[in-house]
Full PDB file with SEQRES, HELIX, SHEET, SSBOND, CRYST1, ORIGX, SCALE, CONECT and MASTER records, all heavy atoms in Angstrom:
SEQRES   1 A   44  GLU VAL TYR PHE GLU ALA LEU ASP ALA LEU LEU ASP ARG          
SEQRES   2 A   44  THR ASN VAL MET MET ARG GLN LEU ILE GLN ASN PHE LEU          
SEQRES   3 A   44  PRO GLU LYS PRO VAL SER PHE GLU ASP TYR ILE ASP ASP          
SEQRES   4 A   44  ASP GLY LEU GLY ASN                                          
HELIX    1 AA1 VAL A    2  PHE A   25  1                                  24    
CRYST1    1.000    1.000    1.000  90.00  90.00  90.00 P 1           1          
ORIGX1      1.000000  0.000000  0.000000        0.00000                         
ORIGX2      0.000000  1.000000  0.000000        0.00000                         
ORIGX3      0.000000  0.000000  1.000000        0.00000                         
SCALE1      1.000000  0.000000  0.000000        0.00000                         
SCALE2      0.000000  1.000000  0.000000        0.00000                         
SCALE3      0.000000  0.000000  1.000000        0.00000                         
ATOM      1  N   GLU A   1      76.249 101.129  82.419  1.00  0.00           N  
ATOM      2  CA  GLU A   1      77.058 102.279  82.023  1.00  0.00           C  
ATOM      3  C   GLU A   1      76.498 103.584  82.585  1.00  0.00           C  
ATOM      4  O   GLU A   1      77.258 104.460  83.021  1.00  0.00           O  
ATOM      5  CB  GLU A   1      77.155 102.348  80.496  1.00  0.00           C  
ATOM      6  CG  GLU A   1      77.908 101.180  79.877  1.00  0.00           C  
ATOM      7  CD  GLU A   1      79.294 100.994  80.478  1.00  0.00           C  
ATOM      8  OE1 GLU A   1      79.998 102.018  80.705  1.00  0.00           O  
ATOM      9  OE2 GLU A   1      79.676  99.835  80.737  1.00  0.00           O  
ATOM     10  N   VAL A   2      75.188 103.702  82.595  1.00  0.00           N  
ATOM     11  CA  VAL A   2      74.574 104.897  83.186  1.00  0.00           C  
ATOM     12  C   VAL A   2      74.846 104.925  84.693  1.00  0.00           C  
ATOM     13  O   VAL A   2      75.148 105.986  85.262  1.00  0.00           O  
ATOM     14  CB  VAL A   2      73.061 104.927  82.908  1.00  0.00           C  
ATOM     15  CG1 VAL A   2      72.386 106.050  83.691  1.00  0.00           C  
ATOM     16  CG2 VAL A   2      72.803 105.095  81.419  1.00  0.00           C  
ATOM     17  N   TYR A   3      74.767 103.764  85.323  1.00  0.00           N  
ATOM     18  CA  TYR A   3      75.057 103.675  86.766  1.00  0.00           C  
ATOM     19  C   TYR A   3      76.494 104.106  87.043  1.00  0.00           C  
ATOM     20  O   TYR A   3      76.748 104.902  87.962  1.00  0.00           O  
ATOM     21  CB  TYR A   3      74.812 102.249  87.255  1.00  0.00           C  
ATOM     22  CG  TYR A   3      75.079 102.040  88.725  1.00  0.00           C  
ATOM     23  CD1 TYR A   3      74.244 102.588  89.696  1.00  0.00           C  
ATOM     24  CD2 TYR A   3      76.174 101.286  89.145  1.00  0.00           C  
ATOM     25  CE1 TYR A   3      74.489 102.392  91.053  1.00  0.00           C  
ATOM     26  CE2 TYR A   3      76.421 101.084  90.494  1.00  0.00           C  
ATOM     27  CZ  TYR A   3      75.584 101.637  91.443  1.00  0.00           C  
ATOM     28  OH  TYR A   3      75.830 101.441  92.781  1.00  0.00           O  
ATOM     29  N   PHE A   4      77.442 103.623  86.249  1.00  0.00           N  
ATOM     30  CA  PHE A   4      78.843 104.007  86.442  1.00  0.00           C  
ATOM     31  C   PHE A   4      79.022 105.518  86.267  1.00  0.00           C  
ATOM     32  O   PHE A   4      79.737 106.167  87.048  1.00  0.00           O  
ATOM     33  CB  PHE A   4      79.743 103.277  85.431  1.00  0.00           C  
ATOM     34  CG  PHE A   4      79.824 101.792  85.627  1.00  0.00           C  
ATOM     35  CD1 PHE A   4      80.127 100.955  84.559  1.00  0.00           C  
ATOM     36  CD2 PHE A   4      79.600 101.217  86.867  1.00  0.00           C  
ATOM     37  CE1 PHE A   4      80.208  99.583  84.730  1.00  0.00           C  
ATOM     38  CE2 PHE A   4      79.670  99.847  87.048  1.00  0.00           C  
ATOM     39  CZ  PHE A   4      79.972  99.027  85.967  1.00  0.00           C  
ATOM     40  N   GLU A   5      78.396 106.086  85.236  1.00  0.00           N  
ATOM     41  CA  GLU A   5      78.521 107.521  84.995  1.00  0.00           C  
ATOM     42  C   GLU A   5      77.931 108.330  86.143  1.00  0.00           C  
ATOM     43  O   GLU A   5      78.469 109.372  86.532  1.00  0.00           O  
ATOM     44  CB  GLU A   5      77.820 107.896  83.683  1.00  0.00           C  
ATOM     45  CG  GLU A   5      78.587 107.502  82.436  1.00  0.00           C  
ATOM     46  CD  GLU A   5      77.988 108.129  81.188  1.00  0.00           C  
ATOM     47  OE1 GLU A   5      77.318 109.181  81.306  1.00  0.00           O  
ATOM     48  OE2 GLU A   5      78.192 107.587  80.087  1.00  0.00           O  
ATOM     49  N   ALA A   6      76.821 107.855  86.690  1.00  0.00           N  
ATOM     50  CA  ALA A   6      76.187 108.571  87.802  1.00  0.00           C  
ATOM     51  C   ALA A   6      77.092 108.580  89.026  1.00  0.00           C  
ATOM     52  O   ALA A   6      77.239 109.617  89.700  1.00  0.00           O  
ATOM     53  CB  ALA A   6      74.839 107.931  88.138  1.00  0.00           C  
ATOM     54  N   LEU A   7      77.714 107.450  89.331  1.00  0.00           N  
ATOM     55  CA  LEU A   7      78.611 107.398  90.491  1.00  0.00           C  
ATOM     56  C   LEU A   7      79.813 108.311  90.283  1.00  0.00           C  
ATOM     57  O   LEU A   7      80.238 109.018  91.208  1.00  0.00           O  
ATOM     58  CB  LEU A   7      79.073 105.963  90.749  1.00  0.00           C  
ATOM     59  CG  LEU A   7      77.993 104.918  91.051  1.00  0.00           C  
ATOM     60  CD1 LEU A   7      78.634 103.634  91.584  1.00  0.00           C  
ATOM     61  CD2 LEU A   7      76.957 105.438  92.031  1.00  0.00           C  
ATOM     62  N   ASP A   8      80.380 108.310  89.074  1.00  0.00           N  
ATOM     63  CA  ASP A   8      81.499 109.218  88.784  1.00  0.00           C  
ATOM     64  C   ASP A   8      81.076 110.673  88.950  1.00  0.00           C  
ATOM     65  O   ASP A   8      81.829 111.504  89.485  1.00  0.00           O  
ATOM     66  CB  ASP A   8      82.017 108.987  87.356  1.00  0.00           C  
ATOM     67  CG  ASP A   8      82.744 107.668  87.195  1.00  0.00           C  
ATOM     68  OD1 ASP A   8      83.143 107.079  88.228  1.00  0.00           O  
ATOM     69  OD2 ASP A   8      82.898 107.212  86.045  1.00  0.00           O  
ATOM     70  N   ALA A   9      79.867 110.984  88.500  1.00  0.00           N  
ATOM     71  CA  ALA A   9      79.383 112.366  88.609  1.00  0.00           C  
ATOM     72  C   ALA A   9      79.199 112.764  90.071  1.00  0.00           C  
ATOM     73  O   ALA A   9      79.492 113.910  90.453  1.00  0.00           O  
ATOM     74  CB  ALA A   9      78.062 112.508  87.852  1.00  0.00           C  
ATOM     75  N   LEU A  10      78.731 111.849  90.898  1.00  0.00           N  
ATOM     76  CA  LEU A  10      78.554 112.151  92.326  1.00  0.00           C  
ATOM     77  C   LEU A  10      79.893 112.402  92.997  1.00  0.00           C  
ATOM     78  O   LEU A  10      80.031 113.324  93.815  1.00  0.00           O  
ATOM     79  CB  LEU A  10      77.820 110.995  93.005  1.00  0.00           C  
ATOM     80  CG  LEU A  10      76.350 110.822  92.638  1.00  0.00           C  
ATOM     81  CD1 LEU A  10      75.788 109.546  93.255  1.00  0.00           C  
ATOM     82  CD2 LEU A  10      75.536 112.028  93.089  1.00  0.00           C  
ATOM     83  N   LEU A  11      80.898 111.595  92.650  1.00  0.00           N  
ATOM     84  CA  LEU A  11      82.231 111.796  93.220  1.00  0.00           C  
ATOM     85  C   LEU A  11      82.825 113.122  92.745  1.00  0.00           C  
ATOM     86  O   LEU A  11      83.417 113.869  93.536  1.00  0.00           O  
ATOM     87  CB  LEU A  11      83.136 110.628  92.838  1.00  0.00           C  
ATOM     88  CG  LEU A  11      82.770 109.271  93.452  1.00  0.00           C  
ATOM     89  CD1 LEU A  11      83.549 108.138  92.777  1.00  0.00           C  
ATOM     90  CD2 LEU A  11      83.048 109.257  94.957  1.00  0.00           C  
ATOM     91  N   ASP A  12      82.649 113.435  91.473  1.00  0.00           N  
ATOM     92  CA  ASP A  12      83.167 114.702  90.932  1.00  0.00           C  
ATOM     93  C   ASP A  12      82.478 115.904  91.572  1.00  0.00           C  
ATOM     94  O   ASP A  12      83.111 116.920  91.882  1.00  0.00           O  
ATOM     95  CB  ASP A  12      82.981 114.750  89.415  1.00  0.00           C  
ATOM     96  CG  ASP A  12      83.885 113.770  88.681  1.00  0.00           C  
ATOM     97  OD1 ASP A  12      84.836 113.268  89.303  1.00  0.00           O  
ATOM     98  OD2 ASP A  12      83.610 113.493  87.493  1.00  0.00           O  
ATOM     99  N   ARG A  13      81.181 115.801  91.767  1.00  0.00           N  
ATOM    100  CA  ARG A  13      80.416 116.899  92.355  1.00  0.00           C  
ATOM    101  C   ARG A  13      80.917 117.210  93.766  1.00  0.00           C  
ATOM    102  O   ARG A  13      81.108 118.384  94.124  1.00  0.00           O  
ATOM    103  CB  ARG A  13      78.940 116.529  92.376  1.00  0.00           C  
ATOM    104  CG  ARG A  13      78.023 117.607  92.918  1.00  0.00           C  
ATOM    105  CD  ARG A  13      76.595 117.065  93.071  1.00  0.00           C  
ATOM    106  NE  ARG A  13      75.984 116.745  91.789  1.00  0.00           N  
ATOM    107  CZ  ARG A  13      74.785 116.154  91.691  1.00  0.00           C  
ATOM    108  NH1 ARG A  13      74.099 115.817  92.769  1.00  0.00           N  
ATOM    109  NH2 ARG A  13      74.274 115.911  90.491  1.00  0.00           N  
ATOM    110  N   THR A  14      81.141 116.176  94.559  1.00  0.00           N  
ATOM    111  CA  THR A  14      81.646 116.377  95.913  1.00  0.00           C  
ATOM    112  C   THR A  14      83.042 116.976  95.894  1.00  0.00           C  
ATOM    113  O   THR A  14      83.381 117.827  96.727  1.00  0.00           O  
ATOM    114  CB  THR A  14      81.647 115.043  96.683  1.00  0.00           C  
ATOM    115  OG1 THR A  14      80.304 114.557  96.765  1.00  0.00           O  
ATOM    116  CG2 THR A  14      82.208 115.209  98.081  1.00  0.00           C  
ATOM    117  N   ASN A  15      83.852 116.561  94.939  1.00  0.00           N  
ATOM    118  CA  ASN A  15      85.208 117.090  94.824  1.00  0.00           C  
ATOM    119  C   ASN A  15      85.190 118.596  94.583  1.00  0.00           C  
ATOM    120  O   ASN A  15      85.911 119.363  95.245  1.00  0.00           O  
ATOM    121  CB  ASN A  15      85.939 116.371  93.683  1.00  0.00           C  
ATOM    122  CG  ASN A  15      87.389 116.790  93.565  1.00  0.00           C  
ATOM    123  OD1 ASN A  15      87.705 117.861  93.065  1.00  0.00           O  
ATOM    124  ND2 ASN A  15      88.286 115.940  94.038  1.00  0.00           N  
ATOM    125  N   VAL A  16      84.359 119.038  93.654  1.00  0.00           N  
ATOM    126  CA  VAL A  16      84.278 120.470  93.332  1.00  0.00           C  
ATOM    127  C   VAL A  16      83.809 121.269  94.539  1.00  0.00           C  
ATOM    128  O   VAL A  16      84.372 122.322  94.879  1.00  0.00           O  
ATOM    129  CB  VAL A  16      83.342 120.692  92.136  1.00  0.00           C  
ATOM    130  CG1 VAL A  16      83.073 122.183  91.934  1.00  0.00           C  
ATOM    131  CG2 VAL A  16      83.942 120.093  90.865  1.00  0.00           C  
ATOM    132  N   MET A  17      82.791 120.781  95.223  1.00  0.00           N  
ATOM    133  CA  MET A  17      82.223 121.507  96.364  1.00  0.00           C  
ATOM    134  C   MET A  17      83.192 121.545  97.536  1.00  0.00           C  
ATOM    135  O   MET A  17      83.279 122.545  98.261  1.00  0.00           O  
ATOM    136  CB  MET A  17      80.892 120.882  96.766  1.00  0.00           C  
ATOM    137  CG  MET A  17      79.826 120.967  95.670  1.00  0.00           C  
ATOM    138  SD  MET A  17      78.243 120.218  96.105  1.00  0.00           S  
ATOM    139  CE  MET A  17      77.604 121.458  97.235  1.00  0.00           C  
ATOM    140  N   MET A  18      83.956 120.464  97.735  1.00  0.00           N  
ATOM    141  CA  MET A  18      84.923 120.455  98.828  1.00  0.00           C  
ATOM    142  C   MET A  18      86.059 121.432  98.546  1.00  0.00           C  
ATOM    143  O   MET A  18      86.561 122.100  99.462  1.00  0.00           O  
ATOM    144  CB  MET A  18      85.469 119.048  99.037  1.00  0.00           C  
ATOM    145  CG  MET A  18      86.475 118.930 100.179  1.00  0.00           C  
ATOM    146  SD  MET A  18      85.811 119.393 101.795  1.00  0.00           S  
ATOM    147  CE  MET A  18      84.778 117.981 102.150  1.00  0.00           C  
ATOM    148  N   ARG A  19      86.487 121.544  97.306  1.00  0.00           N  
ATOM    149  CA  ARG A  19      87.527 122.519  96.969  1.00  0.00           C  
ATOM    150  C   ARG A  19      87.064 123.944  97.314  1.00  0.00           C  
ATOM    151  O   ARG A  19      87.842 124.750  97.836  1.00  0.00           O  
ATOM    152  CB  ARG A  19      87.884 122.420  95.485  1.00  0.00           C  
ATOM    153  CG  ARG A  19      88.663 121.160  95.097  1.00  0.00           C  
ATOM    154  CD  ARG A  19      88.916 121.094  93.603  1.00  0.00           C  
ATOM    155  NE  ARG A  19      89.558 119.861  93.193  1.00  0.00           N  
ATOM    156  CZ  ARG A  19      90.877 119.657  93.170  1.00  0.00           C  
ATOM    157  NH1 ARG A  19      91.692 120.650  93.505  1.00  0.00           N  
ATOM    158  NH2 ARG A  19      91.376 118.495  92.801  1.00  0.00           N  
ATOM    159  N   GLN A  20      85.815 124.233  97.032  1.00  0.00           N  
ATOM    160  CA  GLN A  20      85.279 125.556  97.369  1.00  0.00           C  
ATOM    161  C   GLN A  20      85.228 125.760  98.874  1.00  0.00           C  
ATOM    162  O   GLN A  20      85.556 126.838  99.388  1.00  0.00           O  
ATOM    163  CB  GLN A  20      83.886 125.704  96.759  1.00  0.00           C  
ATOM    164  CG  GLN A  20      83.874 125.720  95.241  1.00  0.00           C  
ATOM    165  CD  GLN A  20      82.470 125.718  94.661  1.00  0.00           C  
ATOM    166  OE1 GLN A  20      81.496 125.475  95.363  1.00  0.00           O  
ATOM    167  NE2 GLN A  20      82.361 125.982  93.358  1.00  0.00           N  
ATOM    168  N   LEU A  21      84.819 124.729  99.584  1.00  0.00           N  
ATOM    169  CA  LEU A  21      84.730 124.821 101.034  1.00  0.00           C  
ATOM    170  C   LEU A  21      86.109 125.074 101.646  1.00  0.00           C  
ATOM    171  O   LEU A  21      86.264 125.884 102.565  1.00  0.00           O  
ATOM    172  CB  LEU A  21      84.107 123.537 101.578  1.00  0.00           C  
ATOM    173  CG  LEU A  21      83.660 123.499 103.036  1.00  0.00           C  
ATOM    174  CD1 LEU A  21      82.536 122.486 103.201  1.00  0.00           C  
ATOM    175  CD2 LEU A  21      84.809 123.134 103.950  1.00  0.00           C  
ATOM    176  N   ILE A  22      87.131 124.378 101.140  1.00  0.00           N  
ATOM    177  CA  ILE A  22      88.501 124.556 101.643  1.00  0.00           C  
ATOM    178  C   ILE A  22      88.957 125.999 101.446  1.00  0.00           C  
ATOM    179  O   ILE A  22      89.537 126.621 102.346  1.00  0.00           O  
ATOM    180  CB  ILE A  22      89.452 123.578 100.929  1.00  0.00           C  
ATOM    181  CG1 ILE A  22      89.195 122.136 101.430  1.00  0.00           C  
ATOM    182  CG2 ILE A  22      90.913 123.970 101.160  1.00  0.00           C  
ATOM    183  CD1 ILE A  22      89.914 121.083 100.622  1.00  0.00           C  
ATOM    184  N   GLN A  23      88.702 126.549 100.268  1.00  0.00           N  
ATOM    185  CA  GLN A  23      89.128 127.919  99.997  1.00  0.00           C  
ATOM    186  C   GLN A  23      88.391 128.936 100.876  1.00  0.00           C  
ATOM    187  O   GLN A  23      88.944 129.959 101.251  1.00  0.00           O  
ATOM    188  CB  GLN A  23      88.896 128.246  98.523  1.00  0.00           C  
ATOM    189  CG  GLN A  23      89.857 127.532  97.583  1.00  0.00           C  
ATOM    190  CD  GLN A  23      89.580 127.855  96.131  1.00  0.00           C  
ATOM    191  OE1 GLN A  23      88.494 127.590  95.609  1.00  0.00           O  
ATOM    192  NE2 GLN A  23      90.559 128.435  95.459  1.00  0.00           N  
ATOM    193  N   ASN A  24      87.160 128.616 101.228  1.00  0.00           N  
ATOM    194  CA  ASN A  24      86.358 129.563 102.010  1.00  0.00           C  
ATOM    195  C   ASN A  24      86.669 129.534 103.502  1.00  0.00           C  
ATOM    196  O   ASN A  24      86.543 130.557 104.187  1.00  0.00           O  
ATOM    197  CB  ASN A  24      84.866 129.275 101.805  1.00  0.00           C  
ATOM    198  CG  ASN A  24      84.383 129.638 100.416  1.00  0.00           C  
ATOM    199  OD1 ASN A  24      85.000 130.449  99.735  1.00  0.00           O  
ATOM    200  ND2 ASN A  24      83.290 129.029  99.985  1.00  0.00           N  
ATOM    201  N   PHE A  25      87.080 128.385 104.032  1.00  0.00           N  
ATOM    202  CA  PHE A  25      87.115 128.254 105.486  1.00  0.00           C  
ATOM    203  C   PHE A  25      88.462 127.847 106.081  1.00  0.00           C  
ATOM    204  O   PHE A  25      88.638 127.963 107.291  1.00  0.00           O  
ATOM    205  CB  PHE A  25      86.051 127.240 105.934  1.00  0.00           C  
ATOM    206  CG  PHE A  25      84.649 127.696 105.673  1.00  0.00           C  
ATOM    207  CD1 PHE A  25      83.919 127.180 104.615  1.00  0.00           C  
ATOM    208  CD2 PHE A  25      84.059 128.672 106.468  1.00  0.00           C  
ATOM    209  CE1 PHE A  25      82.626 127.604 104.359  1.00  0.00           C  
ATOM    210  CE2 PHE A  25      82.766 129.103 106.229  1.00  0.00           C  
ATOM    211  CZ  PHE A  25      82.049 128.571 105.170  1.00  0.00           C  
ATOM    212  N   LEU A  26      89.407 127.382 105.301  1.00  0.00           N  
ATOM    213  CA  LEU A  26      90.687 126.973 105.876  1.00  0.00           C  
ATOM    214  C   LEU A  26      91.732 128.065 105.700  1.00  0.00           C  
ATOM    215  O   LEU A  26      91.756 128.756 104.677  1.00  0.00           O  
ATOM    216  CB  LEU A  26      91.178 125.667 105.236  1.00  0.00           C  
ATOM    217  CG  LEU A  26      90.763 124.394 105.999  1.00  0.00           C  
ATOM    218  CD1 LEU A  26      89.253 124.213 105.979  1.00  0.00           C  
ATOM    219  CD2 LEU A  26      91.464 123.172 105.428  1.00  0.00           C  
ATOM    220  N   PRO A  27      92.628 128.226 106.685  1.00  0.00           N  
ATOM    221  CA  PRO A  27      93.624 129.304 106.626  1.00  0.00           C  
ATOM    222  C   PRO A  27      94.798 128.947 105.714  1.00  0.00           C  
ATOM    223  O   PRO A  27      95.174 127.775 105.588  1.00  0.00           O  
ATOM    224  CB  PRO A  27      94.091 129.409 108.085  1.00  0.00           C  
ATOM    225  CG  PRO A  27      93.934 128.020 108.621  1.00  0.00           C  
ATOM    226  CD  PRO A  27      92.702 127.463 107.954  1.00  0.00           C  
ATOM    227  N   GLU A  28      95.382 129.984 105.087  1.00  0.00           N  
ATOM    228  CA  GLU A  28      96.586 129.749 104.277  1.00  0.00           C  
ATOM    229  C   GLU A  28      97.821 129.625 105.155  1.00  0.00           C  
ATOM    230  O   GLU A  28      98.742 128.873 104.841  1.00  0.00           O  
ATOM    231  CB  GLU A  28      96.755 130.896 103.274  1.00  0.00           C  
ATOM    232  CG  GLU A  28      95.702 130.905 102.182  1.00  0.00           C  
ATOM    233  CD  GLU A  28      95.974 131.971 101.138  1.00  0.00           C  
ATOM    234  OE1 GLU A  28      95.769 133.163 101.438  1.00  0.00           O  
ATOM    235  OE2 GLU A  28      96.395 131.600 100.020  1.00  0.00           O  
ATOM    236  N   LYS A  29      97.840 130.348 106.276  1.00  0.00           N  
ATOM    237  CA  LYS A  29      98.963 130.251 107.197  1.00  0.00           C  
ATOM    238  C   LYS A  29      98.726 129.096 108.173  1.00  0.00           C  
ATOM    239  O   LYS A  29      97.647 128.979 108.744  1.00  0.00           O  
ATOM    240  CB  LYS A  29      99.116 131.556 107.974  1.00  0.00           C  
ATOM    241  CG  LYS A  29     100.307 131.583 108.901  1.00  0.00           C  
ATOM    242  CD  LYS A  29     100.414 132.930 109.620  1.00  0.00           C  
ATOM    243  CE  LYS A  29     101.604 132.944 110.569  1.00  0.00           C  
ATOM    244  NZ  LYS A  29     101.714 134.253 111.292  1.00  0.00           N  
ATOM    245  N   PRO A  30      99.735 128.221 108.386  1.00  0.00           N  
ATOM    246  CA  PRO A  30      99.536 127.077 109.284  1.00  0.00           C  
ATOM    247  C   PRO A  30      99.153 127.513 110.697  1.00  0.00           C  
ATOM    248  O   PRO A  30      99.710 128.468 111.249  1.00  0.00           O  
ATOM    249  CB  PRO A  30     100.904 126.383 109.279  1.00  0.00           C  
ATOM    250  CG  PRO A  30     101.514 126.776 107.965  1.00  0.00           C  
ATOM    251  CD  PRO A  30     101.050 128.182 107.720  1.00  0.00           C  
ATOM    252  N   VAL A  31      98.166 126.817 111.261  1.00  0.00           N  
ATOM    253  CA  VAL A  31      97.748 127.037 112.646  1.00  0.00           C  
ATOM    254  C   VAL A  31      97.715 125.682 113.344  1.00  0.00           C  
ATOM    255  O   VAL A  31      97.437 124.651 112.728  1.00  0.00           O  
ATOM    256  CB  VAL A  31      96.369 127.717 112.737  1.00  0.00           C  
ATOM    257  CG1 VAL A  31      96.419 129.130 112.209  1.00  0.00           C  
ATOM    258  CG2 VAL A  31      95.305 126.911 111.999  1.00  0.00           C  
ATOM    259  N   SER A  32      98.016 125.686 114.656  1.00  0.00           N  
ATOM    260  CA  SER A  32      98.093 124.443 115.421  1.00  0.00           C  
ATOM    261  C   SER A  32      97.184 124.507 116.641  1.00  0.00           C  
ATOM    262  O   SER A  32      96.936 125.591 117.200  1.00  0.00           O  
ATOM    263  CB  SER A  32      99.534 124.174 115.881  1.00  0.00           C  
ATOM    264  OG  SER A  32     100.404 124.048 114.783  1.00  0.00           O  
ATOM    265  N   PHE A  33      96.721 123.342 117.044  1.00  0.00           N  
ATOM    266  CA  PHE A  33      95.888 123.229 118.239  1.00  0.00           C  
ATOM    267  C   PHE A  33      96.192 121.897 118.895  1.00  0.00           C  
ATOM    268  O   PHE A  33      96.519 120.919 118.223  1.00  0.00           O  
ATOM    269  CB  PHE A  33      94.400 123.310 117.880  1.00  0.00           C  
ATOM    270  CG  PHE A  33      93.503 123.439 119.082  1.00  0.00           C  
ATOM    271  CD1 PHE A  33      93.266 124.676 119.659  1.00  0.00           C  
ATOM    272  CD2 PHE A  33      92.899 122.321 119.646  1.00  0.00           C  
ATOM    273  CE1 PHE A  33      92.441 124.799 120.769  1.00  0.00           C  
ATOM    274  CE2 PHE A  33      92.072 122.433 120.749  1.00  0.00           C  
ATOM    275  CZ  PHE A  33      91.846 123.673 121.317  1.00  0.00           C  
ATOM    276  N   GLU A  34      96.086 121.886 120.228  1.00  0.00           N  
ATOM    277  CA  GLU A  34      96.335 120.631 120.944  1.00  0.00           C  
ATOM    278  C   GLU A  34      95.307 120.427 122.050  1.00  0.00           C  
ATOM    279  O   GLU A  34      94.808 121.371 122.649  1.00  0.00           O  
ATOM    280  CB  GLU A  34      97.749 120.602 121.520  1.00  0.00           C  
ATOM    281  CG  GLU A  34      98.074 121.738 122.463  1.00  0.00           C  
ATOM    282  CD  GLU A  34      99.561 121.826 122.780  1.00  0.00           C  
ATOM    283  OE1 GLU A  34     100.378 121.740 121.840  1.00  0.00           O  
ATOM    284  OE2 GLU A  34      99.897 121.964 123.978  1.00  0.00           O  
ATOM    285  N   ASP A  35      95.003 119.182 122.284  1.00  0.00           N  
ATOM    286  CA  ASP A  35      94.148 118.766 123.387  1.00  0.00           C  
ATOM    287  C   ASP A  35      94.756 117.490 123.961  1.00  0.00           C  
ATOM    288  O   ASP A  35      95.714 116.947 123.394  1.00  0.00           O  
ATOM    289  CB  ASP A  35      92.705 118.551 122.924  1.00  0.00           C  
ATOM    290  CG  ASP A  35      91.690 118.730 124.049  1.00  0.00           C  
ATOM    291  OD1 ASP A  35      92.097 118.679 125.231  1.00  0.00           O  
ATOM    292  OD2 ASP A  35      90.494 118.890 123.768  1.00  0.00           O  
ATOM    293  N   TYR A  36      94.198 116.998 125.061  1.00  0.00           N  
ATOM    294  CA  TYR A  36      94.829 115.903 125.785  1.00  0.00           C  
ATOM    295  C   TYR A  36      93.828 114.828 126.179  1.00  0.00           C  
ATOM    296  O   TYR A  36      92.658 115.116 126.464  1.00  0.00           O  
ATOM    297  CB  TYR A  36      95.508 116.422 127.063  1.00  0.00           C  
ATOM    298  CG  TYR A  36      96.691 117.330 126.822  1.00  0.00           C  
ATOM    299  CD1 TYR A  36      96.507 118.661 126.462  1.00  0.00           C  
ATOM    300  CD2 TYR A  36      97.990 116.846 126.927  1.00  0.00           C  
ATOM    301  CE1 TYR A  36      97.591 119.493 126.230  1.00  0.00           C  
ATOM    302  CE2 TYR A  36      99.077 117.679 126.697  1.00  0.00           C  
ATOM    303  CZ  TYR A  36      98.873 119.000 126.358  1.00  0.00           C  
ATOM    304  OH  TYR A  36      99.944 119.827 126.130  1.00  0.00           O  
ATOM    305  N   ILE A  37      94.311 113.580 126.201  1.00  0.00           N  
ATOM    306  CA  ILE A  37      93.612 112.468 126.834  1.00  0.00           C  
ATOM    307  C   ILE A  37      94.166 112.330 128.239  1.00  0.00           C  
ATOM    308  O   ILE A  37      95.381 112.403 128.448  1.00  0.00           O  
ATOM    309  CB  ILE A  37      93.814 111.168 126.035  1.00  0.00           C  
ATOM    310  CG1 ILE A  37      93.224 111.328 124.636  1.00  0.00           C  
ATOM    311  CG2 ILE A  37      93.183 109.976 126.747  1.00  0.00           C  
ATOM    312  CD1 ILE A  37      93.550 110.180 123.707  1.00  0.00           C  
ATOM    313  N   ASP A  38      93.280 112.130 129.222  1.00  0.00           N  
ATOM    314  CA  ASP A  38      93.701 112.131 130.629  1.00  0.00           C  
ATOM    315  C   ASP A  38      94.835 111.143 130.913  1.00  0.00           C  
ATOM    316  O   ASP A  38      95.860 111.493 131.506  1.00  0.00           O  
ATOM    317  CB  ASP A  38      92.519 111.757 131.538  1.00  0.00           C  
ATOM    318  CG  ASP A  38      91.473 112.849 131.588  1.00  0.00           C  
ATOM    319  OD1 ASP A  38      91.743 113.965 131.122  1.00  0.00           O  
ATOM    320  OD2 ASP A  38      90.371 112.573 132.084  1.00  0.00           O  
ATOM    321  N   ASP A  39      94.620 109.872 130.530  1.00  0.00           N  
ATOM    322  CA  ASP A  39      95.572 108.809 130.881  1.00  0.00           C  
ATOM    323  C   ASP A  39      95.271 107.587 130.038  1.00  0.00           C  
ATOM    324  O   ASP A  39      94.276 107.558 129.295  1.00  0.00           O  
ATOM    325  CB  ASP A  39      95.457 108.458 132.374  1.00  0.00           C  
ATOM    326  CG  ASP A  39      94.108 107.884 132.725  1.00  0.00           C  
ATOM    327  OD1 ASP A  39      93.142 108.658 132.952  1.00  0.00           O  
ATOM    328  OD2 ASP A  39      93.989 106.645 132.755  1.00  0.00           O  
ATOM    329  N   ASP A  40      96.108 106.562 130.163  1.00  0.00           N  
ATOM    330  CA  ASP A  40      95.931 105.349 129.354  1.00  0.00           C  
ATOM    331  C   ASP A  40      95.400 104.165 130.151  1.00  0.00           C  
ATOM    332  O   ASP A  40      95.349 103.044 129.644  1.00  0.00           O  
ATOM    333  CB  ASP A  40      97.243 104.966 128.666  1.00  0.00           C  
ATOM    334  CG  ASP A  40      98.327 104.508 129.648  1.00  0.00           C  
ATOM    335  OD1 ASP A  40      98.139 104.672 130.876  1.00  0.00           O  
ATOM    336  OD2 ASP A  40      99.359 103.995 129.185  1.00  0.00           O  
ATOM    337  N   GLY A  41      95.016 104.386 131.406  1.00  0.00           N  
ATOM    338  CA  GLY A  41      94.531 103.301 132.244  1.00  0.00           C  
ATOM    339  C   GLY A  41      95.619 102.566 132.975  1.00  0.00           C  
ATOM    340  O   GLY A  41      95.338 101.734 133.854  1.00  0.00           O  
ATOM    341  N   LEU A  42      96.878 102.846 132.643  1.00  0.00           N  
ATOM    342  CA  LEU A  42      98.014 102.200 133.301  1.00  0.00           C  
ATOM    343  C   LEU A  42      98.827 103.187 134.130  1.00  0.00           C  
ATOM    344  O   LEU A  42      99.937 102.860 134.555  1.00  0.00           O  
ATOM    345  CB  LEU A  42      98.921 101.544 132.247  1.00  0.00           C  
ATOM    346  CG  LEU A  42      98.296 100.418 131.420  1.00  0.00           C  
ATOM    347  CD1 LEU A  42      99.292  99.922 130.372  1.00  0.00           C  
ATOM    348  CD2 LEU A  42      97.865  99.266 132.316  1.00  0.00           C  
ATOM    349  N   GLY A  43      98.297 104.376 134.335  1.00  0.00           N  
ATOM    350  CA  GLY A  43      98.996 105.384 135.124  1.00  0.00           C  
ATOM    351  C   GLY A  43      99.849 106.333 134.326  1.00  0.00           C  
ATOM    352  O   GLY A  43     100.550 107.174 134.904  1.00  0.00           O  
ATOM    353  N   ASN A  44      99.820 106.229 133.004  1.00  0.00           N  
ATOM    354  CA  ASN A  44     100.605 107.125 132.144  1.00  0.00           C  
ATOM    355  C   ASN A  44      99.702 108.223 131.580  1.00  0.00           C  
ATOM    356  O   ASN A  44      98.535 108.008 131.315  1.00  0.00           O  
ATOM    357  CB  ASN A  44     101.215 106.333 130.986  1.00  0.00           C  
ATOM    358  CG  ASN A  44     102.015 105.141 131.452  1.00  0.00           C  
ATOM    359  OD1 ASN A  44     102.955 105.280 132.224  1.00  0.00           O  
ATOM    360  ND2 ASN A  44     101.625 103.951 131.011  1.00  0.00           N  
TER     361      ASN A  44                                                      
MASTER        0    0    0    1    0    0    0    6  360    1    0    4          
END                                                                             
């Protein structure tokens, strides 16, 4: 039971910290970016 509680606490802790990270570093207005792979080996 202690092991289960510890794992739940670790998952919860990461959840809280990721929410903060999202608010600090991700934009509210949508932004797009594109990059390319040269080819598929078959000439495409």
